[in-house]
């Protein structure tokens, strides 16, 4: 735990230096730094970061900072300040991402009616003025699942968006079922946290410069998101990989473990053999796939990784 906090602290410090170096991306980089300071246990420093972002930016990044601040204030027991921040943010025209974060926070608090209001805000671009689905192409966004989930908890009958969400989920389930076939694994793999440093040392990581675990998992997350776009898919199966297992596979098959095709064949064969895999992306409130101990939405699934 101490080592992970030290790594988060060092990464946060590096991000702050990067923010000064790249002023055009300053707000986005500081958002990520705030998350790392929180992971390092320095919540008050994270709050200062979020205040800085809110002061410098009047757009979506500022709203993301406000949404993160609400959750952090609640964790610190400063509930009156958190409530004031919710009211302040609610007076603006809130972007979908920040609205979703506030909705999930309120849902966790058991404040379902308020959560539904914020989920509706997050989904407003999906609805036309007459209440029907907008003509823009729809897909199963997490705010849709959240809205449907809260409406079910409130005992409300399914509406147009709920029915769309059910249809999209059925399509995703079918896609995942097909992806499970060994002949066409819609899948990816990653080195487990304890093996990342060794994987770099052995030259087994492709397309990512040697760095710490946080940087590695961030790059993997972004790579998987790009893969989803290419595949026109919504889910991947991901295989947690141990360095020793990959090296043994390469040795058993007289292959070079540094070659990309070896890694691909190892992934395919392990899935065929029934090796445990994870569904990616996880739900936003579920533990992050990278085993950081944080929720996905506050780790690899944070807005800065999208």
Protein backbone atom coordinates (compact mmCIF):
# COMPACT_ATOMS: atom_id res chain seq x y z
CA UNK A 1 0.00 0.00 0.00
CA UNK A 2 2.83 2.39 0.89
CA UNK A 3 4.57 1.69 -2.42
CA UNK A 4 1.38 2.34 -4.39
CA UNK A 5 0.89 5.66 -2.60
CA UNK A 6 4.47 6.66 -3.30
CA UNK A 7 4.05 5.80 -6.97
CA UNK A 8 0.83 7.81 -7.13
CA UNK A 9 2.55 10.77 -5.46
CA UNK A 10 5.47 10.65 -7.88
CA UNK A 11 3.11 10.37 -10.84
CA UNK A 12 1.03 13.32 -9.58
CA UNK A 13 4.17 15.43 -9.29
CA UNK A 14 5.18 14.50 -12.84
CA UNK A 15 1.71 15.38 -14.11
CA UNK A 16 1.92 18.81 -12.49
CA UNK A 17 5.24 19.40 -14.24
CA UNK A 18 3.66 18.26 -17.51
CA UNK A 19 0.75 20.65 -16.97
CA UNK A 20 3.18 23.55 -16.75
CA UNK A 21 4.99 22.31 -19.85
CA UNK A 22 1.86 21.90 -22.00
CA UNK A 23 -0.46 24.85 -21.26
CA UNK A 24 -2.96 23.90 -23.98
CA UNK A 25 -3.63 20.61 -22.13
CA UNK A 26 -3.18 22.00 -18.63
CA UNK A 27 -6.73 21.47 -17.37
CA UNK A 28 -6.96 17.87 -18.61
CA UNK A 29 -3.55 16.96 -17.19
CA UNK A 30 -4.36 18.53 -13.82
CA UNK A 31 -7.58 16.53 -13.64
CA UNK A 32 -5.51 13.38 -13.83
CA UNK A 33 -3.06 14.81 -11.27
CA UNK A 34 -5.94 15.38 -8.87
CA UNK A 35 -6.93 11.75 -9.15
CA UNK A 36 -3.38 10.65 -8.41
CA UNK A 37 -3.10 12.93 -5.35
CA UNK A 38 -6.31 11.40 -4.07
CA UNK A 39 -4.90 7.91 -4.67
CA UNK A 40 -1.79 8.97 -2.74
CA UNK A 41 -4.00 9.83 0.23
CA UNK A 42 -3.48 13.58 -0.14
CA UNK A 43 -7.11 14.57 -0.66
CA UNK A 44 -6.67 18.19 0.33
CA UNK A 45 -4.03 18.61 -2.37
CA UNK A 46 -6.43 17.01 -4.84
CA UNK A 47 -9.06 19.55 -3.82
CA UNK A 48 -6.66 22.39 -4.54
CA UNK A 49 -5.99 20.92 -7.97
CA UNK A 50 -9.70 20.76 -8.75
CA UNK A 51 -10.15 24.35 -7.57
CA UNK A 52 -7.34 25.41 -9.91
CA UNK A 53 -9.03 23.70 -12.86
CA UNK A 54 -12.37 25.28 -12.01
CA UNK A 55 -10.74 28.71 -11.83
CA UNK A 56 -8.93 28.43 -15.18
CA UNK A 57 -11.59 26.73 -17.31
CA UNK A 58 -15.27 27.43 -17.83
CA UNK A 59 -16.02 24.38 -19.94
CA UNK A 60 -16.26 20.62 -19.57
CA UNK A 61 -12.95 20.21 -17.72
CA UNK A 62 -14.15 22.65 -15.05
CA UNK A 63 -17.34 20.64 -14.66
CA UNK A 64 -15.41 17.39 -14.37
CA UNK A 65 -13.31 19.02 -11.64
CA UNK A 66 -16.47 20.12 -9.84
CA UNK A 67 -17.94 16.61 -10.05
CA UNK A 68 -14.76 15.04 -8.68
CA UNK A 69 -14.67 17.67 -5.93
CA UNK A 70 -18.19 16.75 -4.82
CA UNK A 71 -17.22 13.13 -4.25
CA UNK A 72 -14.01 14.11 -2.50
CA UNK A 73 -15.74 16.58 -0.16
CA UNK A 74 -18.22 13.88 0.81
CA UNK A 75 -15.36 11.45 1.56
CA UNK A 76 -13.86 14.10 3.85
CA UNK A 77 -17.17 14.54 5.67
CA UNK A 78 -17.66 18.06 4.32
CA UNK A 79 -21.22 17.34 3.22
CA UNK A 80 -22.50 20.92 3.34
CA UNK A 81 -19.78 21.99 0.92
CA UNK A 82 -20.54 19.03 -1.32
CA UNK A 83 -24.23 19.97 -1.41
CA UNK A 84 -23.38 23.58 -2.22
CA UNK A 85 -21.19 22.37 -5.08
CA UNK A 86 -24.01 20.22 -6.47
CA UNK A 87 -26.36 23.21 -6.43
CA UNK A 88 -23.76 25.44 -8.08
CA UNK A 89 -23.03 22.91 -10.82
CA UNK A 90 -26.73 22.31 -11.38
CA UNK A 91 -27.21 25.96 -12.35
CA UNK A 92 -24.96 25.49 -15.40
CA UNK A 93 -25.68 23.66 -18.63
CA UNK A 94 -23.87 20.53 -17.55
CA UNK A 95 -22.05 18.33 -20.05
CA UNK A 96 -22.96 14.65 -20.19
CA UNK A 97 -19.80 13.25 -18.52
CA UNK A 98 -19.85 15.47 -15.39
CA UNK A 99 -23.62 15.01 -15.06
CA UNK A 100 -23.12 11.25 -15.08
CA UNK A 101 -20.51 11.46 -12.30
CA UNK A 102 -22.87 13.50 -10.10
CA UNK A 103 -25.71 11.09 -10.87
CA UNK A 104 -23.60 8.10 -9.81
CA UNK A 105 -22.56 9.91 -6.63
CA UNK A 106 -26.19 10.59 -5.73
CA UNK A 107 -27.15 7.01 -6.57
CA UNK A 108 -24.47 5.74 -4.18
CA UNK A 109 -25.98 8.01 -1.53
CA UNK A 110 -29.40 6.43 -2.09
CA UNK A 111 -30.83 9.72 -3.40
CA UNK A 112 -32.52 8.10 -6.36
CA UNK A 113 -34.91 10.87 -7.43
CA UNK A 114 -32.04 13.36 -7.60
CA UNK A 115 -29.83 10.80 -9.32
CA UNK A 116 -32.48 10.29 -12.01
CA UNK A 117 -32.62 14.04 -12.64
CA UNK A 118 -28.87 14.11 -13.23
CA UNK A 119 -28.93 10.95 -15.38
CA UNK A 120 -31.66 12.60 -17.47
CA UNK A 121 -29.34 15.59 -17.88
CA UNK A 122 -26.52 13.27 -18.96
CA UNK A 123 -28.81 11.68 -21.57
CA UNK A 124 -30.55 14.81 -22.86
CA UNK A 125 -28.66 14.81 -26.17
CA UNK A 126 -30.20 11.40 -26.93
CA UNK A 127 -33.74 12.76 -26.89
CA UNK A 128 -35.52 14.90 -29.46
CA UNK A 129 -37.84 17.73 -28.46
CA UNK A 130 -40.90 15.48 -28.80
CA UNK A 131 -39.52 12.97 -26.28
CA UNK A 132 -38.61 10.38 -28.91
CA UNK A 133 -35.12 9.13 -29.63
CA UNK A 134 -32.96 11.63 -31.47
CA UNK A 135 -31.94 10.73 -35.02
CA UNK A 136 -28.23 10.71 -34.10
CA UNK A 137 -26.71 7.25 -33.93
CA UNK A 138 -27.13 5.76 -30.46
CA UNK A 139 -25.02 3.26 -28.63
CA UNK A 140 -25.01 1.86 -25.11
CA UNK A 141 -23.38 4.66 -23.17
CA UNK A 142 -22.86 4.18 -19.42
CA UNK A 143 -25.25 7.03 -18.57
CA UNK A 144 -28.00 5.07 -20.32
CA UNK A 145 -27.36 2.04 -18.13
CA UNK A 146 -27.28 4.25 -15.04
CA UNK A 147 -30.55 5.92 -15.95
CA UNK A 148 -32.23 2.57 -16.59
CA UNK A 149 -30.84 1.16 -13.33
CA UNK A 150 -32.18 4.05 -11.22
CA UNK A 151 -35.56 4.00 -12.93
CA UNK A 152 -35.84 0.29 -12.13
CA UNK A 153 -34.96 0.96 -8.47
CA UNK A 154 -37.70 3.59 -8.39
CA UNK A 155 -40.22 1.13 -9.84
CA UNK A 156 -40.83 3.18 -12.99
CA UNK A 157 -42.06 1.46 -16.17
CA UNK A 158 -39.60 1.29 -19.10
CA UNK A 159 -39.66 4.29 -21.43
CA UNK A 160 -38.18 4.77 -24.90
CA UNK A 161 -34.60 5.13 -23.67
CA UNK A 162 -34.94 2.12 -21.36
CA UNK A 163 -36.17 -0.03 -24.23
CA UNK A 164 -33.29 1.17 -26.39
CA UNK A 165 -30.86 0.30 -23.60
CA UNK A 166 -32.32 -3.21 -23.32
CA UNK A 167 -32.02 -3.72 -27.08
CA UNK A 168 -28.43 -2.49 -27.15
CA UNK A 169 -27.50 -4.67 -24.16
CA UNK A 170 -28.95 -7.70 -25.94
CA UNK A 171 -26.82 -6.92 -29.00
CA UNK A 172 -23.72 -6.53 -26.83
CA UNK A 173 -24.42 -9.84 -25.10
CA UNK A 174 -24.71 -11.52 -28.49
CA UNK A 175 -21.50 -9.88 -29.65
CA UNK A 176 -19.74 -11.07 -26.53
CA UNK A 177 -21.10 -14.60 -27.02
CA UNK A 178 -19.66 -14.66 -30.54
CA UNK A 179 -16.41 -13.16 -29.33
CA UNK A 180 -16.05 -16.01 -26.87
CA UNK A 181 -15.60 -18.43 -29.77
CA UNK A 182 -11.93 -19.46 -30.06
CA UNK A 183 -11.96 -18.77 -33.79
CA UNK A 184 -12.60 -15.04 -33.31
CA UNK A 185 -11.64 -13.84 -29.82
CA UNK A 186 -12.62 -10.20 -29.46
CA UNK A 187 -10.01 -9.88 -26.76
CA UNK A 188 -6.91 -8.27 -25.36
CA UNK A 189 -4.34 -8.98 -22.69
CA UNK A 190 -2.30 -7.09 -20.13
CA UNK A 191 0.47 -7.81 -17.69
CA UNK A 192 -0.64 -7.96 -14.07
CA UNK A 193 0.47 -5.05 -11.90
CA UNK A 194 3.14 -7.04 -10.06
CA UNK A 195 4.78 -8.02 -13.38
CA UNK A 196 4.76 -4.70 -15.26
CA UNK A 197 8.31 -3.67 -14.37
CA UNK A 198 9.63 -7.11 -15.30
CA UNK A 199 7.66 -7.10 -18.56
CA UNK A 200 9.40 -3.89 -19.59
CA UNK A 201 12.78 -5.27 -18.55
CA UNK A 202 12.21 -8.42 -20.63
CA UNK A 203 11.19 -6.37 -23.69
CA UNK A 204 7.71 -7.89 -23.74
CA UNK A 205 5.69 -4.65 -23.97
CA UNK A 206 4.94 -3.32 -27.44
CA UNK A 207 3.98 0.23 -28.39
CA UNK A 208 4.56 1.67 -24.92
CA UNK A 209 7.67 3.40 -23.66
CA UNK A 210 9.14 2.06 -20.40
CA UNK A 211 7.42 3.83 -17.52
CA UNK A 212 5.72 3.07 -14.25
CA UNK A 213 2.64 0.90 -13.85
CA UNK A 214 0.25 3.87 -13.96
CA UNK A 215 1.54 4.94 -17.35
CA UNK A 216 1.44 1.38 -18.66
CA UNK A 217 -2.19 0.82 -17.65
CA UNK A 218 -3.20 4.22 -19.01
CA UNK A 219 -1.71 3.34 -22.40
CA UNK A 220 -3.34 -0.10 -22.37
CA UNK A 221 -6.73 1.48 -21.60
CA UNK A 222 -6.38 3.92 -24.48
CA UNK A 223 -5.28 1.15 -26.82
CA UNK A 224 -8.32 -0.94 -25.98
CA UNK A 225 -10.61 2.04 -26.57
CA UNK A 226 -9.06 2.49 -30.00
CA UNK A 227 -9.60 -1.24 -30.66
CA UNK A 228 -13.29 -0.94 -29.79
CA UNK A 229 -13.64 1.84 -32.35
CA UNK A 230 -11.93 -0.27 -35.03
CA UNK A 231 -14.00 -3.35 -34.21
CA UNK A 232 -17.23 -1.37 -33.85
CA UNK A 233 -17.73 -3.27 -30.58
CA UNK A 234 -18.64 -2.40 -27.01
CA UNK A 235 -16.90 -5.12 -25.00
CA UNK A 236 -13.59 -6.95 -24.92
CA UNK A 237 -12.42 -10.02 -23.06
CA UNK A 238 -9.12 -9.23 -21.41
CA UNK A 239 -6.62 -11.76 -20.11
CA UNK A 240 -4.46 -10.94 -17.06
CA UNK A 241 -1.03 -12.23 -18.07
CA UNK A 242 1.95 -13.31 -15.96
CA UNK A 243 5.41 -12.90 -17.45
CA UNK A 244 6.37 -16.46 -16.44
CA UNK A 245 3.34 -17.88 -18.24
CA UNK A 246 4.14 -16.04 -21.47
CA UNK A 247 7.81 -17.09 -21.29
CA UNK A 248 6.84 -20.72 -20.68
CA UNK A 249 4.39 -20.62 -23.61
CA UNK A 250 7.10 -19.22 -25.88
CA UNK A 251 9.59 -21.83 -24.72
CA UNK A 252 7.12 -24.72 -25.13
CA UNK A 253 6.30 -23.60 -28.69
CA UNK A 254 9.84 -22.58 -29.67
CA UNK A 255 8.72 -18.96 -30.16
CA UNK A 256 10.24 -15.56 -29.45
CA UNK A 257 8.33 -14.06 -26.49
CA UNK A 258 9.14 -10.53 -27.71
CA UNK A 259 7.23 -10.98 -30.97
CA UNK A 260 3.71 -9.57 -31.15
CA UNK A 261 2.40 -12.70 -32.85
CA UNK A 262 3.61 -14.82 -29.95
CA UNK A 263 1.62 -12.66 -27.54
CA UNK A 264 -1.43 -12.87 -29.83
CA UNK A 265 -1.21 -16.66 -30.11
CA UNK A 266 -0.69 -16.97 -26.36
CA UNK A 267 -3.86 -14.95 -25.78
CA UNK A 268 -5.90 -17.02 -28.24
CA UNK A 269 -4.68 -20.34 -26.87
CA UNK A 270 -5.25 -19.39 -23.23
CA UNK A 271 -8.82 -18.28 -23.98
CA UNK A 272 -9.44 -21.54 -25.84
CA UNK A 273 -8.18 -23.40 -22.78
CA UNK A 274 -10.65 -21.55 -20.55
CA UNK A 275 -8.22 -19.26 -18.71
CA UNK A 276 -10.00 -16.70 -16.47
CA UNK A 277 -10.67 -13.41 -18.25
CA UNK A 278 -12.25 -10.09 -17.32
CA UNK A 279 -15.01 -8.16 -19.05
CA UNK A 280 -13.76 -4.77 -20.22
CA UNK A 281 -14.77 -2.06 -19.71
CA UNK A 282 -16.14 -2.75 -16.23
CA UNK A 283 -19.04 -0.82 -14.75
CA UNK A 284 -17.86 2.61 -13.64
CA UNK A 285 -18.41 1.84 -9.94
CA UNK A 286 -16.74 -1.58 -10.15
CA UNK A 287 -13.11 -2.12 -9.11
CA UNK A 288 -10.71 -1.10 -11.86
CA UNK A 289 -9.37 -3.92 -14.03
CA UNK A 290 -5.77 -2.82 -13.35
CA UNK A 291 -6.02 -3.91 -9.68
CA UNK A 292 -5.23 -0.45 -8.30
CA UNK A 293 -7.91 -0.83 -5.64
CA UNK A 294 -9.83 2.18 -6.97
CA UNK A 295 -13.17 2.35 -8.74
CA UNK A 296 -12.90 2.20 -12.53
CA UNK A 297 -14.41 5.67 -12.94
CA UNK A 298 -11.67 7.14 -10.74
CA UNK A 299 -8.84 5.15 -12.26
CA UNK A 300 -8.37 3.88 -15.82
CA UNK A 301 -11.96 4.84 -16.68
CA UNK A 302 -11.53 8.48 -15.66
CA UNK A 303 -12.40 11.15 -18.24
CA UNK A 304 -8.72 11.90 -18.86
CA UNK A 305 -8.28 8.44 -20.39
CA UNK A 306 -11.03 8.83 -22.95
